[in-house]
Amino acid sequence: MAKGPEKNTKNKALHTKLLNRKKAKLQEEKRERALRLKALVAKMNEKKDTDGAEGI
């Protein structure tokens, strides 16, 4: 049985590594953005509560 050309697994492995790195970076950025947003919302809610308490 004749073999076909050898597969280029080196480039495939490098490509997979780069894609995994890119996915991890995007997930980290998404997580950081969510934390920043959560902190901002908490700060705004706290400010709203203190402003409402002063008016009473």
N, C-alpha and C. Protein backbone atom coordinates (compact mmCIF):
# COMPACT_ATOMS: atom_id res chain seq x y z
N MET A 1 0.84 -1.17 0.00
CA MET A 1 0.00 0.00 0.00
C MET A 1 0.89 1.24 0.00
N ALA A 2 0.63 2.19 -0.84
CA ALA A 2 1.46 3.38 -0.97
C ALA A 2 1.08 4.41 0.09
N LYS A 3 2.10 5.01 0.65
CA LYS A 3 1.86 6.06 1.64
C LYS A 3 1.77 7.40 0.93
N GLY A 4 0.95 8.28 1.47
CA GLY A 4 0.84 9.62 0.92
C GLY A 4 1.94 10.50 1.51
N PRO A 5 1.90 11.76 1.20
CA PRO A 5 2.92 12.66 1.75
C PRO A 5 2.80 12.77 3.27
N GLU A 6 3.93 13.02 3.93
CA GLU A 6 3.91 13.15 5.39
C GLU A 6 3.09 14.38 5.79
N LYS A 7 2.41 14.25 6.90
CA LYS A 7 1.63 15.37 7.40
C LYS A 7 2.54 16.34 8.12
N ASN A 8 2.22 17.60 8.00
CA ASN A 8 3.02 18.63 8.65
C ASN A 8 2.44 18.89 10.03
N THR A 9 2.80 18.05 11.00
CA THR A 9 2.23 18.17 12.35
C THR A 9 2.89 19.28 13.14
N LYS A 10 4.10 19.69 12.78
CA LYS A 10 4.78 20.75 13.52
C LYS A 10 4.01 22.07 13.41
N ASN A 11 3.65 22.45 12.18
CA ASN A 11 2.89 23.69 12.00
C ASN A 11 1.51 23.59 12.64
N LYS A 12 0.91 22.41 12.56
CA LYS A 12 -0.41 22.22 13.15
C LYS A 12 -0.35 22.40 14.66
N ALA A 13 0.71 21.86 15.28
CA ALA A 13 0.87 21.99 16.73
C ALA A 13 1.09 23.45 17.11
N LEU A 14 1.89 24.17 16.35
CA LEU A 14 2.13 25.58 16.64
C LEU A 14 0.85 26.39 16.49
N HIS A 15 0.08 26.08 15.46
CA HIS A 15 -1.17 26.79 15.21
C HIS A 15 -2.14 26.55 16.37
N THR A 16 -2.23 25.31 16.81
CA THR A 16 -3.12 24.97 17.93
C THR A 16 -2.69 25.71 19.18
N LYS A 17 -1.38 25.75 19.41
CA LYS A 17 -0.85 26.44 20.59
C LYS A 17 -1.22 27.93 20.54
N LEU A 18 -1.06 28.55 19.38
CA LEU A 18 -1.39 29.96 19.24
C LEU A 18 -2.88 30.22 19.43
N LEU A 19 -3.71 29.34 18.87
CA LEU A 19 -5.16 29.51 19.03
C LEU A 19 -5.58 29.36 20.49
N ASN A 20 -4.97 28.39 21.19
CA ASN A 20 -5.29 28.21 22.60
C ASN A 20 -4.88 29.43 23.42
N ARG A 21 -3.72 30.01 23.06
CA ARG A 21 -3.25 31.21 23.75
C ARG A 21 -4.22 32.36 23.50
N LYS A 22 -4.70 32.47 22.26
CA LYS A 22 -5.64 33.54 21.91
C LYS A 22 -6.96 33.38 22.66
N LYS A 23 -7.46 32.14 22.73
CA LYS A 23 -8.71 31.89 23.45
C LYS A 23 -8.56 32.22 24.92
N ALA A 24 -7.44 31.85 25.53
CA ALA A 24 -7.20 32.12 26.94
C ALA A 24 -7.15 33.62 27.19
N LYS A 25 -6.51 34.35 26.29
CA LYS A 25 -6.41 35.81 26.43
C LYS A 25 -7.80 36.45 26.35
N LEU A 26 -8.62 36.00 25.41
CA LEU A 26 -9.96 36.55 25.27
C LEU A 26 -10.82 36.25 26.50
N GLN A 27 -10.70 35.03 27.04
CA GLN A 27 -11.45 34.68 28.24
C GLN A 27 -11.01 35.54 29.42
N GLU A 28 -9.72 35.77 29.56
CA GLU A 28 -9.20 36.59 30.65
C GLU A 28 -9.71 38.03 30.52
N GLU A 29 -9.69 38.57 29.31
CA GLU A 29 -10.19 39.94 29.09
C GLU A 29 -11.68 40.02 29.42
N LYS A 30 -12.43 39.01 29.05
CA LYS A 30 -13.86 38.99 29.33
C LYS A 30 -14.10 38.95 30.84
N ARG A 31 -13.31 38.14 31.55
CA ARG A 31 -13.44 38.03 32.99
C ARG A 31 -13.10 39.35 33.67
N GLU A 32 -12.02 40.00 33.22
CA GLU A 32 -11.62 41.29 33.80
C GLU A 32 -12.68 42.35 33.54
N ARG A 33 -13.24 42.35 32.34
CA ARG A 33 -14.28 43.33 31.99
C ARG A 33 -15.50 43.15 32.89
N ALA A 34 -15.88 41.88 33.13
CA ALA A 34 -17.03 41.59 33.98
C ALA A 34 -16.78 42.06 35.42
N LEU A 35 -15.56 41.83 35.92
CA LEU A 35 -15.23 42.27 37.28
C LEU A 35 -15.25 43.80 37.39
N ARG A 36 -14.71 44.48 36.36
CA ARG A 36 -14.72 45.93 36.37
C ARG A 36 -16.14 46.46 36.36
N LEU A 37 -17.00 45.84 35.55
CA LEU A 37 -18.39 46.26 35.46
C LEU A 37 -19.11 46.03 36.78
N LYS A 38 -18.85 44.87 37.39
CA LYS A 38 -19.47 44.55 38.67
C LYS A 38 -19.07 45.57 39.74
N ALA A 39 -17.79 45.95 39.76
CA ALA A 39 -17.32 46.94 40.73
C ALA A 39 -17.97 48.30 40.48
N LEU A 40 -18.10 48.66 39.21
CA LEU A 40 -18.72 49.93 38.87
C LEU A 40 -20.19 49.96 39.29
N VAL A 41 -20.91 48.88 39.05
CA VAL A 41 -22.31 48.80 39.43
C VAL A 41 -22.45 48.89 40.94
N ALA A 42 -21.57 48.18 41.67
CA ALA A 42 -21.62 48.24 43.13
C ALA A 42 -21.36 49.65 43.63
N LYS A 43 -20.40 50.33 43.01
CA LYS A 43 -20.07 51.71 43.40
C LYS A 43 -21.25 52.63 43.14
N MET A 44 -21.89 52.47 42.00
CA MET A 44 -23.04 53.33 41.66
C MET A 44 -24.22 53.06 42.60
N ASN A 45 -24.44 51.78 42.94
CA ASN A 45 -25.53 51.45 43.87
C ASN A 45 -25.25 52.04 45.25
N GLU A 46 -24.00 51.97 45.67
CA GLU A 46 -23.62 52.53 46.97
C GLU A 46 -23.82 54.04 46.98
N LYS A 47 -23.43 54.68 45.89
CA LYS A 47 -23.59 56.13 45.77
C LYS A 47 -25.08 56.50 45.78
N LYS A 48 -25.87 55.71 45.09
CA LYS A 48 -27.31 55.97 45.02
C LYS A 48 -27.93 55.81 46.41
N ASP A 49 -27.50 54.79 47.16
CA ASP A 49 -28.02 54.57 48.51
C ASP A 49 -27.64 55.71 49.43
N THR A 50 -26.41 56.18 49.38
CA THR A 50 -25.99 57.27 50.26
C THR A 50 -26.68 58.57 49.88
N ASP A 51 -26.90 58.81 48.60
CA ASP A 51 -27.60 60.02 48.18
C ASP A 51 -29.06 59.97 48.62
N GLY A 52 -29.66 58.82 48.56
CA GLY A 52 -31.05 58.68 48.98
C GLY A 52 -31.21 58.83 50.49
N ALA A 53 -30.24 58.38 51.27
CA ALA A 53 -30.32 58.46 52.73
C ALA A 53 -30.16 59.90 53.20
N GLU A 54 -29.39 60.72 52.49
CA GLU A 54 -29.18 62.10 52.92
C GLU A 54 -30.45 62.92 52.74
N GLY A 55 -31.28 62.56 51.78
CA GLY A 55 -32.50 63.33 51.52
C GLY A 55 -33.59 63.11 52.54
N ILE A 56 -33.48 62.09 53.37
CA ILE A 56 -34.54 61.77 54.34
C ILE A 56 -34.46 62.62 55.56
